[in-house]
Amino acid sequence: MAFWAHHGIRFAEWRRLLPLLLAAACFAPAGLAQEPALSDTRPVKKYVKPTVPEFARRMQLRGMVRLQATVLPSGKVAEVKALGGNPVLVQAGKSALESWIFETGNQTTTTVVTLSFN
C-alpha cells in the first residue's frame, strides 16, 4: 500500500504536500537547538531551548532560524518576528524565544537571534 493511502491522504493532496516537505527537509534534521547567536550585547538571563514537534524530528528537519525579538526594559520579550527559516522550526523557535528573559536595560531594544537546529 502506498504511503499516502496508508495515512489517509489522497494522491492529489500528497502531490501538493510533497514539494513543501522536500523543501523543509532541505533546510533542516531537527534535534535540539544549539546555543543561540545574538546580534546584541544584552545578556540572556533565562534561556529556554526550543521543543521541536515529533513529526519534524521524525522527518529529520534541520536548519537555521533567524528571529527578531523586541525586549522590554524589564527584560521580557514583547514581540518575536520571523526573519527566515523553515516554518516548522520558526514556530518552535518563536515559542521558546517568547519565554526568554534578558538582563534589564534602560530602554526597549531589538535583537536578532539565530537558532541552529541540528
PDB file of N, CA and C in Angstrom:
ATOM      1  N   MET A   1       0.845  -1.174   0.000  1.00  0.00           N
ATOM      2  CA  MET A   1       0.000   0.000   0.000  1.00  0.00           C
ATOM      3  C   MET A   1       0.891   1.238   0.000  1.00  0.00           C
ATOM      4  N   ALA A   2       0.537   2.220  -0.782  1.00  0.00           N
ATOM      5  CA  ALA A   2       1.319   3.450  -0.893  1.00  0.00           C
ATOM      6  C   ALA A   2       1.265   4.235   0.420  1.00  0.00           C
ATOM      7  N   PHE A   3       2.336   4.990   0.689  1.00  0.00           N
ATOM      8  CA  PHE A   3       2.435   5.775   1.923  1.00  0.00           C
ATOM      9  C   PHE A   3       1.231   6.678   2.116  1.00  0.00           C
ATOM     10  N   TRP A   4       0.860   7.426   1.076  1.00  0.00           N
ATOM     11  CA  TRP A   4      -0.223   8.394   1.212  1.00  0.00           C
ATOM     12  C   TRP A   4      -1.567   7.708   1.445  1.00  0.00           C
ATOM     13  N   ALA A   5      -1.792   6.556   0.827  1.00  0.00           N
ATOM     14  CA  ALA A   5      -3.043   5.826   1.034  1.00  0.00           C
ATOM     15  C   ALA A   5      -3.090   5.247   2.447  1.00  0.00           C
ATOM     16  N   HIS A   6      -1.953   4.761   2.914  1.00  0.00           N
ATOM     17  CA  HIS A   6      -1.873   4.188   4.255  1.00  0.00           C
ATOM     18  C   HIS A   6      -2.208   5.229   5.322  1.00  0.00           C
ATOM     19  N   HIS A   7      -1.842   6.471   5.116  1.00  0.00           N
ATOM     20  CA  HIS A   7      -2.066   7.536   6.089  1.00  0.00           C
ATOM     21  C   HIS A   7      -3.322   8.353   5.784  1.00  0.00           C
ATOM     22  N   GLY A   8      -4.165   7.881   4.893  1.00  0.00           N
ATOM     23  CA  GLY A   8      -5.441   8.548   4.624  1.00  0.00           C
ATOM     24  C   GLY A   8      -5.312   9.826   3.820  1.00  0.00           C
ATOM     25  N   ILE A   9      -4.252   9.964   3.042  1.00  0.00           N
ATOM     26  CA  ILE A   9      -4.050  11.161   2.232  1.00  0.00           C
ATOM     27  C   ILE A   9      -4.306  10.787   0.778  1.00  0.00           C
ATOM     28  N   ARG A  10      -5.147  11.545   0.106  1.00  0.00           N
ATOM     29  CA  ARG A  10      -5.384  11.288  -1.306  1.00  0.00           C
ATOM     30  C   ARG A  10      -4.156  11.689  -2.113  1.00  0.00           C
ATOM     31  N   PHE A  11      -3.991  11.028  -3.246  1.00  0.00           N
ATOM     32  CA  PHE A  11      -2.810  11.258  -4.083  1.00  0.00           C
ATOM     33  C   PHE A  11      -2.661  12.729  -4.466  1.00  0.00           C
ATOM     34  N   ALA A  12      -3.769  13.411  -4.814  1.00  0.00           N
ATOM     35  CA  ALA A  12      -3.694  14.828  -5.200  1.00  0.00           C
ATOM     36  C   ALA A  12      -3.196  15.680  -4.041  1.00  0.00           C
ATOM     37  N   GLU A  13      -3.636  15.365  -2.815  1.00  0.00           N
ATOM     38  CA  GLU A  13      -3.153  16.109  -1.641  1.00  0.00           C
ATOM     39  C   GLU A  13      -1.670  15.841  -1.414  1.00  0.00           C
ATOM     40  N   TRP A  14      -1.276  14.585  -1.575  1.00  0.00           N
ATOM     41  CA  TRP A  14       0.123  14.210  -1.391  1.00  0.00           C
ATOM     42  C   TRP A  14       1.023  14.947  -2.368  1.00  0.00           C
ATOM     43  N   ARG A  15       0.565  15.058  -3.628  1.00  0.00           N
ATOM     44  CA  ARG A  15       1.362  15.754  -4.643  1.00  0.00           C
ATOM     45  C   ARG A  15       1.542  17.217  -4.290  1.00  0.00           C
ATOM     46  N   ARG A  16       0.545  17.838  -3.651  1.00  0.00           N
ATOM     47  CA  ARG A  16       0.681  19.238  -3.235  1.00  0.00           C
ATOM     48  C   ARG A  16       1.602  19.372  -2.028  1.00  0.00           C
ATOM     49  N   LEU A  17       1.588  18.387  -1.144  1.00  0.00           N
ATOM     50  CA  LEU A  17       2.412  18.451   0.065  1.00  0.00           C
ATOM     51  C   LEU A  17       3.878  18.101  -0.194  1.00  0.00           C
ATOM     52  N   LEU A  18       4.127  17.269  -1.172  1.00  0.00           N
ATOM     53  CA  LEU A  18       5.475  16.781  -1.410  1.00  0.00           C
ATOM     54  C   LEU A  18       6.517  17.891  -1.598  1.00  0.00           C
ATOM     55  N   PRO A  19       6.286  18.918  -2.438  1.00  0.00           N
ATOM     56  CA  PRO A  19       7.303  19.976  -2.576  1.00  0.00           C
ATOM     57  C   PRO A  19       7.586  20.697  -1.263  1.00  0.00           C
ATOM     58  N   LEU A  20       6.542  20.920  -0.465  1.00  0.00           N
ATOM     59  CA  LEU A  20       6.738  21.579   0.824  1.00  0.00           C
ATOM     60  C   LEU A  20       7.574  20.706   1.749  1.00  0.00           C
ATOM     61  N   LEU A  21       7.272  19.423   1.794  1.00  0.00           N
ATOM     62  CA  LEU A  21       8.033  18.516   2.642  1.00  0.00           C
ATOM     63  C   LEU A  21       9.483  18.404   2.193  1.00  0.00           C
ATOM     64  N   LEU A  22       9.707  18.363   0.887  1.00  0.00           N
ATOM     65  CA  LEU A  22      11.076  18.301   0.381  1.00  0.00           C
ATOM     66  C   LEU A  22      11.849  19.576   0.684  1.00  0.00           C
ATOM     67  N   ALA A  23      11.194  20.717   0.538  1.00  0.00           N
ATOM     68  CA  ALA A  23      11.849  21.986   0.862  1.00  0.00           C
ATOM     69  C   ALA A  23      12.185  22.038   2.347  1.00  0.00           C
ATOM     70  N   ALA A  24      11.260  21.568   3.179  1.00  0.00           N
ATOM     71  CA  ALA A  24      11.503  21.564   4.617  1.00  0.00           C
ATOM     72  C   ALA A  24      12.686  20.659   4.958  1.00  0.00           C
ATOM     73  N   ALA A  25      12.773  19.521   4.300  1.00  0.00           N
ATOM     74  CA  ALA A  25      13.869  18.603   4.568  1.00  0.00           C
ATOM     75  C   ALA A  25      15.215  19.175   4.124  1.00  0.00           C
ATOM     76  N   CYS A  26      15.206  19.949   3.055  1.00  0.00           N
ATOM     77  CA  CYS A  26      16.455  20.545   2.568  1.00  0.00           C
ATOM     78  C   CYS A  26      16.988  21.604   3.512  1.00  0.00           C
ATOM     79  N   PHE A  27      16.091  22.329   4.169  1.00  0.00           N
ATOM     80  CA  PHE A  27      16.529  23.407   5.028  1.00  0.00           C
ATOM     81  C   PHE A  27      16.868  22.958   6.418  1.00  0.00           C
ATOM     82  N   ALA A  28      16.544  21.772   6.750  1.00  0.00           N
ATOM     83  CA  ALA A  28      16.782  21.461   8.104  1.00  0.00           C
ATOM     84  C   ALA A  28      16.648  20.002   8.503  1.00  0.00           C
ATOM     85  N   PRO A  29      17.894  18.468   9.798  1.00  0.00           N
ATOM     86  CA  PRO A  29      17.389  17.476  10.730  1.00  0.00           C
ATOM     87  C   PRO A  29      17.086  18.145  12.047  1.00  0.00           C
ATOM     88  N   ALA A  30      15.976  17.904  12.627  1.00  0.00           N
ATOM     89  CA  ALA A  30      15.583  18.640  13.821  1.00  0.00           C
ATOM     90  C   ALA A  30      15.914  17.874  15.081  1.00  0.00           C
ATOM     91  N   GLY A  31      16.895  18.329  15.751  1.00  0.00           N
ATOM     92  CA  GLY A  31      17.190  17.830  17.070  1.00  0.00           C
ATOM     93  C   GLY A  31      16.992  18.995  18.001  1.00  0.00           C
ATOM     94  N   LEU A  32      17.831  19.077  18.980  1.00  0.00           N
ATOM     95  CA  LEU A  32      17.734  20.209  19.881  1.00  0.00           C
ATOM     96  C   LEU A  32      18.470  21.396  19.275  1.00  0.00           C
ATOM     97  N   ALA A  33      18.001  22.559  19.597  1.00  0.00           N
ATOM     98  CA  ALA A  33      18.657  23.761  19.098  1.00  0.00           C
ATOM     99  C   ALA A  33      19.970  23.952  19.839  1.00  0.00           C
ATOM    100  N   GLN A  34      20.952  24.442  19.129  1.00  0.00           N
ATOM    101  CA  GLN A  34      22.232  24.736  19.752  1.00  0.00           C
ATOM    102  C   GLN A  34      22.144  26.103  20.414  1.00  0.00           C
ATOM    103  N   GLU A  35      23.211  26.502  21.069  1.00  0.00           N
ATOM    104  CA  GLU A  35      23.241  27.814  21.704  1.00  0.00           C
ATOM    105  C   GLU A  35      22.967  28.888  20.655  1.00  0.00           C
ATOM    106  N   PRO A  36      22.180  29.889  21.002  1.00  0.00           N
ATOM    107  CA  PRO A  36      21.805  30.913  20.032  1.00  0.00           C
ATOM    108  C   PRO A  36      22.927  31.915  19.781  1.00  0.00           C
ATOM    109  N   ALA A  37      22.897  32.499  18.608  1.00  0.00           N
ATOM    110  CA  ALA A  37      23.798  33.599  18.285  1.00  0.00           C
ATOM    111  C   ALA A  37      22.974  34.881  18.386  1.00  0.00           C
ATOM    112  N   LEU A  38      23.424  35.827  19.181  1.00  0.00           N
ATOM    113  CA  LEU A  38      22.697  37.075  19.384  1.00  0.00           C
ATOM    114  C   LEU A  38      23.410  38.214  18.674  1.00  0.00           C
ATOM    115  N   SER A  39      22.618  39.163  18.147  1.00  0.00           N
ATOM    116  CA  SER A  39      23.217  40.315  17.485  1.00  0.00           C
ATOM    117  C   SER A  39      23.347  41.486  18.446  1.00  0.00           C
ATOM    118  N   ASP A  40      23.086  41.278  19.703  1.00  0.00           N
ATOM    119  CA  ASP A  40      23.029  42.335  20.704  1.00  0.00           C
ATOM    120  C   ASP A  40      23.945  41.931  21.857  1.00  0.00           C
ATOM    121  N   THR A  41      24.386  42.881  22.640  1.00  0.00           N
ATOM    122  CA  THR A  41      25.238  42.554  23.779  1.00  0.00           C
ATOM    123  C   THR A  41      24.428  42.400  25.059  1.00  0.00           C
ATOM    124  N   ARG A  42      23.117  42.538  24.998  1.00  0.00           N
ATOM    125  CA  ARG A  42      22.267  42.387  26.177  1.00  0.00           C
ATOM    126  C   ARG A  42      22.199  40.891  26.535  1.00  0.00           C
ATOM    127  N   PRO A  43      22.742  40.507  27.696  1.00  0.00           N
ATOM    128  CA  PRO A  43      22.823  39.086  28.051  1.00  0.00           C
ATOM    129  C   PRO A  43      21.448  38.462  28.331  1.00  0.00           C
ATOM    130  N   VAL A  44      21.377  37.170  28.106  1.00  0.00           N
ATOM    131  CA  VAL A  44      20.165  36.404  28.381  1.00  0.00           C
ATOM    132  C   VAL A  44      20.273  35.841  29.793  1.00  0.00           C
ATOM    133  N   LYS A  45      19.271  36.123  30.628  1.00  0.00           N
ATOM    134  CA  LYS A  45      19.244  35.581  31.987  1.00  0.00           C
ATOM    135  C   LYS A  45      18.604  34.201  32.017  1.00  0.00           C
ATOM    136  N   LYS A  46      17.517  34.026  31.242  1.00  0.00           N
ATOM    137  CA  LYS A  46      16.804  32.745  31.212  1.00  0.00           C
ATOM    138  C   LYS A  46      16.652  32.321  29.765  1.00  0.00           C
ATOM    139  N   TYR A  47      17.298  31.202  29.422  1.00  0.00           N
ATOM    140  CA  TYR A  47      17.273  30.660  28.068  1.00  0.00           C
ATOM    141  C   TYR A  47      16.411  29.408  28.065  1.00  0.00           C
ATOM    142  N   VAL A  48      15.428  29.339  27.167  1.00  0.00           N
ATOM    143  CA  VAL A  48      14.568  28.170  27.024  1.00  0.00           C
ATOM    144  C   VAL A  48      14.875  27.535  25.673  1.00  0.00           C
ATOM    145  N   LYS A  49      15.236  26.244  25.689  1.00  0.00           N
ATOM    146  CA  LYS A  49      15.519  25.544  24.431  1.00  0.00           C
ATOM    147  C   LYS A  49      14.214  25.260  23.696  1.00  0.00           C
ATOM    148  N   PRO A  50      14.229  25.426  22.381  1.00  0.00           N
ATOM    149  CA  PRO A  50      13.027  25.134  21.595  1.00  0.00           C
ATOM    150  C   PRO A  50      12.688  23.643  21.627  1.00  0.00           C
ATOM    151  N   THR A  51      11.399  23.354  21.643  1.00  0.00           N
ATOM    152  CA  THR A  51      10.921  21.983  21.561  1.00  0.00           C
ATOM    153  C   THR A  51      10.448  21.745  20.141  1.00  0.00           C
ATOM    154  N   VAL A  52      11.087  20.811  19.480  1.00  0.00           N
ATOM    155  CA  VAL A  52      10.765  20.519  18.091  1.00  0.00           C
ATOM    156  C   VAL A  52       9.620  19.506  18.061  1.00  0.00           C
ATOM    157  N   PRO A  53       8.581  19.744  17.254  1.00  0.00           N
ATOM    158  CA  PRO A  53       7.480  18.786  17.172  1.00  0.00           C
ATOM    159  C   PRO A  53       7.986  17.398  16.747  1.00  0.00           C
ATOM    160  N   GLU A  54       7.293  16.371  17.218  1.00  0.00           N
ATOM    161  CA  GLU A  54       7.704  14.991  16.953  1.00  0.00           C
ATOM    162  C   GLU A  54       7.779  14.690  15.458  1.00  0.00           C
ATOM    163  N   PHE A  55       6.800  15.161  14.669  1.00  0.00           N
ATOM    164  CA  PHE A  55       6.834  14.861  13.237  1.00  0.00           C
ATOM    165  C   PHE A  55       8.051  15.496  12.567  1.00  0.00           C
ATOM    166  N   ALA A  56       8.479  16.665  13.048  1.00  0.00           N
ATOM    167  CA  ALA A  56       9.666  17.314  12.488  1.00  0.00           C
ATOM    168  C   ALA A  56      10.916  16.528  12.845  1.00  0.00           C
ATOM    169  N   ARG A  57      10.932  15.966  14.028  1.00  0.00           N
ATOM    170  CA  ARG A  57      12.071  15.145  14.451  1.00  0.00           C
ATOM    171  C   ARG A  57      12.150  13.882  13.601  1.00  0.00           C
ATOM    172  N   ARG A  58      10.980  13.258  13.349  1.00  0.00           N
ATOM    173  CA  ARG A  58      10.958  12.057  12.521  1.00  0.00           C
ATOM    174  C   ARG A  58      11.373  12.359  11.087  1.00  0.00           C
ATOM    175  N   MET A  59      11.030  13.547  10.594  1.00  0.00           N
ATOM    176  CA  MET A  59      11.409  13.944   9.238  1.00  0.00           C
ATOM    177  C   MET A  59      12.851  14.411   9.172  1.00  0.00           C
ATOM    178  N   GLN A  60      13.497  14.509  10.324  1.00  0.00           N
ATOM    179  CA  GLN A  60      14.876  14.966  10.448  1.00  0.00           C
ATOM    180  C   GLN A  60      15.067  16.356   9.843  1.00  0.00           C
ATOM    181  N   LEU A  61      14.162  17.263  10.191  1.00  0.00           N
ATOM    182  CA  LEU A  61      14.299  18.650   9.737  1.00  0.00           C
ATOM    183  C   LEU A  61      15.482  19.286  10.444  1.00  0.00           C
ATOM    184  N   ARG A  62      16.279  20.031   9.692  1.00  0.00           N
ATOM    185  CA  ARG A  62      17.444  20.736  10.246  1.00  0.00           C
ATOM    186  C   ARG A  62      17.512  22.104   9.617  1.00  0.00           C
ATOM    187  N   GLY A  63      18.217  22.989  10.271  1.00  0.00           N
ATOM    188  CA  GLY A  63      18.433  24.290   9.665  1.00  0.00           C
ATOM    189  C   GLY A  63      18.618  25.396  10.675  1.00  0.00           C
ATOM    190  N   MET A  64      18.727  26.592  10.133  1.00  0.00           N
ATOM    191  CA  MET A  64      18.907  27.793  10.933  1.00  0.00           C
ATOM    192  C   MET A  64      17.613  28.598  10.888  1.00  0.00           C
ATOM    193  N   VAL A  65      17.310  29.247  11.998  1.00  0.00           N
ATOM    194  CA  VAL A  65      16.138  30.104  12.102  1.00  0.00           C
ATOM    195  C   VAL A  65      16.608  31.454  12.611  1.00  0.00           C
ATOM    196  N   ARG A  66      16.185  32.523  11.926  1.00  0.00           N
ATOM    197  CA  ARG A  66      16.521  33.884  12.382  1.00  0.00           C
ATOM    198  C   ARG A  66      15.248  34.539  12.872  1.00  0.00           C
ATOM    199  N   LEU A  67      15.311  35.054  14.105  1.00  0.00           N
ATOM    200  CA  LEU A  67      14.166  35.698  14.733  1.00  0.00           C
ATOM    201  C   LEU A  67      14.580  37.057  15.253  1.00  0.00           C
ATOM    202  N   GLN A  68      13.659  37.998  15.201  1.00  0.00           N
ATOM    203  CA  GLN A  68      13.899  39.331  15.753  1.00  0.00           C
ATOM    204  C   GLN A  68      13.018  39.493  16.980  1.00  0.00           C
ATOM    205  N   ALA A  69      13.637  39.788  18.129  1.00  0.00           N
ATOM    206  CA  ALA A  69      12.906  39.934  19.380  1.00  0.00           C
ATOM    207  C   ALA A  69      12.940  41.382  19.840  1.00  0.00           C
ATOM    208  N   THR A  70      11.790  41.876  20.258  1.00  0.00           N
ATOM    209  CA  THR A  70      11.697  43.191  20.894  1.00  0.00           C
ATOM    210  C   THR A  70      11.703  42.940  22.393  1.00  0.00           C
ATOM    211  N   VAL A  71      12.725  43.481  23.079  1.00  0.00           N
ATOM    212  CA  VAL A  71      12.921  43.230  24.502  1.00  0.00           C
ATOM    213  C   VAL A  71      12.605  44.502  25.288  1.00  0.00           C
ATOM    214  N   LEU A  72      11.712  44.364  26.253  1.00  0.00           N
ATOM    215  CA  LEU A  72      11.320  45.489  27.107  1.00  0.00           C
ATOM    216  C   LEU A  72      12.429  45.813  28.105  1.00  0.00           C
ATOM    217  N   PRO A  73      12.402  47.010  28.705  1.00  0.00           N
ATOM    218  CA  PRO A  73      13.414  47.347  29.714  1.00  0.00           C
ATOM    219  C   PRO A  73      13.462  46.342  30.868  1.00  0.00           C
ATOM    220  N   SER A  74      12.338  45.703  31.170  1.00  0.00           N
ATOM    221  CA  SER A  74      12.295  44.713  32.251  1.00  0.00           C
ATOM    222  C   SER A  74      13.025  43.423  31.892  1.00  0.00           C
ATOM    223  N   GLY A  75      13.310  43.226  30.589  1.00  0.00           N
ATOM    224  CA  GLY A  75      13.999  42.023  30.141  1.00  0.00           C
ATOM    225  C   GLY A  75      13.073  41.003  29.491  1.00  0.00           C
ATOM    226  N   LYS A  76      11.762  41.240  29.582  1.00  0.00           N
ATOM    227  CA  LYS A  76      10.803  40.320  28.965  1.00  0.00           C
ATOM    228  C   LYS A  76      10.713  40.569  27.468  1.00  0.00           C
ATOM    229  N   VAL A  77      10.437  39.514  26.719  1.00  0.00           N
ATOM    230  CA  VAL A  77      10.288  39.614  25.268  1.00  0.00           C
ATOM    231  C   VAL A  77       8.853  40.030  24.966  1.00  0.00           C
ATOM    232  N   ALA A  78       8.708  41.157  24.280  1.00  0.00           N
ATOM    233  CA  ALA A  78       7.386  41.678  23.959  1.00  0.00           C
ATOM    234  C   ALA A  78       6.859  41.148  22.638  1.00  0.00           C
ATOM    235  N   GLU A  79       7.748  40.964  21.664  1.00  0.00           N
ATOM    236  CA  GLU A  79       7.315  40.550  20.331  1.00  0.00           C
ATOM    237  C   GLU A  79       8.435  39.774  19.651  1.00  0.00           C
ATOM    238  N   VAL A  80       8.046  38.786  18.854  1.00  0.00           N
ATOM    239  CA  VAL A  80       9.013  37.998  18.089  1.00  0.00           C
ATOM    240  C   VAL A  80       8.545  37.952  16.644  1.00  0.00           C
ATOM    241  N   LYS A  81       9.453  38.305  15.717  1.00  0.00           N
ATOM    242  CA  LYS A  81       9.165  38.252  14.284  1.00  0.00           C
ATOM    243  C   LYS A  81      10.126  37.274  13.629  1.00  0.00           C
ATOM    244  N   ALA A  82       9.608  36.512  12.682  1.00  0.00           N
ATOM    245  CA  ALA A  82      10.447  35.578  11.931  1.00  0.00           C
ATOM    246  C   ALA A  82      11.150  36.328  10.810  1.00  0.00           C
ATOM    247  N   LEU A  83      12.451  36.127  10.696  1.00  0.00           N
ATOM    248  CA  LEU A  83      13.231  36.724   9.613  1.00  0.00           C
ATOM    249  C   LEU A  83      13.631  35.694   8.566  1.00  0.00           C
ATOM    250  N   GLY A  84      13.564  34.412   8.930  1.00  0.00           N
ATOM    251  CA  GLY A  84      13.904  33.378   7.966  1.00  0.00           C
ATOM    252  C   GLY A  84      14.035  32.024   8.604  1.00  0.00           C
ATOM    253  N   GLY A  85      13.821  31.000   7.779  1.00  0.00           N
ATOM    254  CA  GLY A  85      13.963  29.636   8.236  1.00  0.00           C
ATOM    255  C   GLY A  85      12.745  28.803   7.904  1.00  0.00           C
ATOM    256  N   ASN A  86      12.868  27.519   8.162  1.00  0.00           N
ATOM    257  CA  ASN A  86      11.776  26.584   7.937  1.00  0.00           C
ATOM    258  C   ASN A  86      10.599  26.951   8.846  1.00  0.00           C
ATOM    259  N   PRO A  87       9.379  27.051   8.313  1.00  0.00           N
ATOM    260  CA  PRO A  87       8.232  27.465   9.123  1.00  0.00           C
ATOM    261  C   PRO A  87       7.992  26.613  10.367  1.00  0.00           C
ATOM    262  N   VAL A  88       8.237  25.325  10.282  1.00  0.00           N
ATOM    263  CA  VAL A  88       8.048  24.459  11.448  1.00  0.00           C
ATOM    264  C   VAL A  88       9.063  24.817  12.530  1.00  0.00           C
ATOM    265  N   LEU A  89      10.306  25.006  12.131  1.00  0.00           N
ATOM    266  CA  LEU A  89      11.353  25.352  13.091  1.00  0.00           C
ATOM    267  C   LEU A  89      11.192  26.780  13.594  1.00  0.00           C
ATOM    268  N   VAL A  90      10.697  27.673  12.730  1.00  0.00           N
ATOM    269  CA  VAL A  90      10.443  29.063  13.148  1.00  0.00           C
ATOM    270  C   VAL A  90       9.443  29.074  14.290  1.00  0.00           C
ATOM    271  N   GLN A  91       8.369  28.297  14.161  1.00  0.00           N
ATOM    272  CA  GLN A  91       7.350  28.271  15.209  1.00  0.00           C
ATOM    273  C   GLN A  91       7.926  27.740  16.519  1.00  0.00           C
ATOM    274  N   ALA A  92       8.756  26.706  16.441  1.00  0.00           N
ATOM    275  CA  ALA A  92       9.393  26.169  17.647  1.00  0.00           C
ATOM    276  C   ALA A  92      10.311  27.219  18.281  1.00  0.00           C
ATOM    277  N   GLY A  93      11.065  27.931  17.451  1.00  0.00           N
ATOM    278  CA  GLY A  93      11.956  28.978  17.955  1.00  0.00           C
ATOM    279  C   GLY A  93      11.201  30.141  18.567  1.00  0.00           C
ATOM    280  N   LYS A  94      10.117  30.562  17.901  1.00  0.00           N
ATOM    281  CA  LYS A  94       9.314  31.670  18.427  1.00  0.00           C
ATOM    282  C   LYS A  94       8.724  31.328  19.786  1.00  0.00           C
ATOM    283  N   SER A  95       8.193  30.128  19.924  1.00  0.00           N
ATOM    284  CA  SER A  95       7.593  29.711  21.198  1.00  0.00           C
ATOM    285  C   SER A  95       8.622  29.748  22.325  1.00  0.00           C
ATOM    286  N   ALA A  96       9.832  29.297  22.035  1.00  0.00           N
ATOM    287  CA  ALA A  96      10.878  29.300  23.058  1.00  0.00           C
ATOM    288  C   ALA A  96      11.349  30.721  23.364  1.00  0.00           C
ATOM    289  N   LEU A  97      11.581  31.519  22.319  1.00  0.00           N
ATOM    290  CA  LEU A  97      12.108  32.875  22.496  1.00  0.00           C
ATOM    291  C   LEU A  97      11.152  33.765  23.293  1.00  0.00           C
ATOM    292  N   GLU A  98       9.864  33.533  23.161  1.00  0.00           N
ATOM    293  CA  GLU A  98       8.887  34.309  23.933  1.00  0.00           C
ATOM    294  C   GLU A  98       9.034  34.089  25.432  1.00  0.00           C
ATOM    295  N   SER A  99       9.671  32.974  25.833  1.00  0.00           N
ATOM    296  CA  SER A  99       9.870  32.662  27.253  1.00  0.00           C
ATOM    297  C   SER A  99      11.219  33.135  27.790  1.00  0.00           C
ATOM    298  N   TRP A 100      12.087  33.606  26.913  1.00  0.00           N
ATOM    299  CA  TRP A 100      13.395  34.067  27.362  1.00  0.00           C
ATOM    300  C   TRP A 100      13.248  35.328  28.206  1.00  0.00           C
ATOM    301  N   ILE A 101      14.223  35.526  29.084  1.00  0.00           N
ATOM    302  CA  ILE A 101      14.310  36.761  29.867  1.00  0.00           C
ATOM    303  C   ILE A 101      15.728  37.293  29.716  1.00  0.00           C
ATOM    304  N   PHE A 102      15.829  38.543  29.304  1.00  0.00           N
ATOM    305  CA  PHE A 102      17.120  39.210  29.125  1.00  0.00           C
ATOM    306  C   PHE A 102      17.428  40.048  30.365  1.00  0.00           C
ATOM    307  N   GLU A 103      18.676  40.489  30.482  1.00  0.00           N
ATOM    308  CA  GLU A 103      19.056  41.409  31.553  1.00  0.00           C
ATOM    309  C   GLU A 103      18.238  42.693  31.406  1.00  0.00           C
ATOM    310  N   THR A 104      17.962  43.337  32.509  1.00  0.00           N
ATOM    311  CA  THR A 104      17.216  44.598  32.452  1.00  0.00           C
ATOM    312  C   THR A 104      18.056  45.668  31.764  1.00  0.00           C
ATOM    313  N   GLY A 105      17.361  46.645  31.205  1.00  0.00           N
ATOM    314  CA  GLY A 105      18.045  47.723  30.489  1.00  0.00           C
ATOM    315  C   GLY A 105      17.318  49.034  30.691  1.00  0.00           C
ATOM    316  N   ASN A 106      17.841  50.085  30.072  1.00  0.00           N
ATOM    317  CA  ASN A 106      17.254  51.417  30.208  1.00  0.00           C
ATOM    318  C   ASN A 106      16.135  51.674  29.215  1.00  0.00           C
ATOM    319  N   GLN A 107      16.096  50.888  28.140  1.00  0.00           N
ATOM    320  CA  GLN A 107      15.103  51.145  27.098  1.00  0.00           C
ATOM    321  C   GLN A 107      14.739  49.835  26.399  1.00  0.00           C
ATOM    322  N   THR A 108      13.697  49.915  25.587  1.00  0.00           N
ATOM    323  CA  THR A 108      13.300  48.772  24.772  1.00  0.00           C
ATOM    324  C   THR A 108      14.338  48.594  23.663  1.00  0.00           C
ATOM    325  N   THR A 109      14.762  47.358  23.467  1.00  0.00           N
ATOM    326  CA  THR A 109      15.763  47.078  22.439  1.00  0.00           C
ATOM    327  C   THR A 109      15.249  45.994  21.502  1.00  0.00           C
ATOM    328  N   THR A 110      15.885  45.892  20.356  1.00  0.00           N
ATOM    329  CA  THR A 110      15.584  44.854  19.375  1.00  0.00           C
ATOM    330  C   THR A 110      16.854  44.056  19.156  1.00  0.00           C
ATOM    331  N   THR A 111      16.706  42.745  19.156  1.00  0.00           N
ATOM    332  CA  THR A 111      17.851  41.882  18.928  1.00  0.00           C
ATOM    333  C   THR A 111      17.476  40.788  17.929  1.00  0.00           C
ATOM    334  N   VAL A 112      18.437  40.355  17.154  1.00  0.00           N
ATOM    335  CA  VAL A 112      18.232  39.260  16.227  1.00  0.00           C
ATOM    336  C   VAL A 112      18.877  38.017  16.812  1.00  0.00           C
ATOM    337  N   VAL A 113      18.101  36.949  16.879  1.00  0.00           N
ATOM    338  CA  VAL A 113      18.563  35.684  17.433  1.00  0.00           C
ATOM    339  C   VAL A 113      18.600  34.664  16.301  1.00  0.00           C
ATOM    340  N   THR A 114      19.706  33.951  16.190  1.00  0.00           N
ATOM    341  CA  THR A 114      19.832  32.877  15.215  1.00  0.00           C
ATOM    342  C   THR A 114      19.926  31.555  15.966  1.00  0.00           C
ATOM    343  N   LEU A 115      18.980  30.665  15.715  1.00  0.00           N
ATOM    344  CA  LEU A 115      18.968  29.347  16.342  1.00  0.00           C
ATOM    345  C   LEU A 115      19.327  28.302  15.293  1.00  0.00           C
ATOM    346  N   SER A 116      20.147  27.359  15.694  1.00  0.00           N
ATOM    347  CA  SER A 116      20.551  26.282  14.799  1.00  0.00           C
ATOM    348  C   SER A 116      19.920  24.987  15.289  1.00  0.00           C
ATOM    349  N   PHE A 117      19.153  24.332  14.441  1.00  0.00           N
ATOM    350  CA  PHE A 117      18.531  23.057  14.749  1.00  0.00           C
ATOM    351  C   PHE A 117      19.308  21.970  14.029  1.00  0.00           C
ATOM    352  N   ASN A 118      20.017  21.137  14.781  1.00  0.00           N
ATOM    353  CA  ASN A 118      20.823  20.056  14.189  1.00  0.00           C
ATOM    354  C   ASN A 118      20.394  18.715  14.703  1.00  0.00           C
TER     355      ASN A 118
END
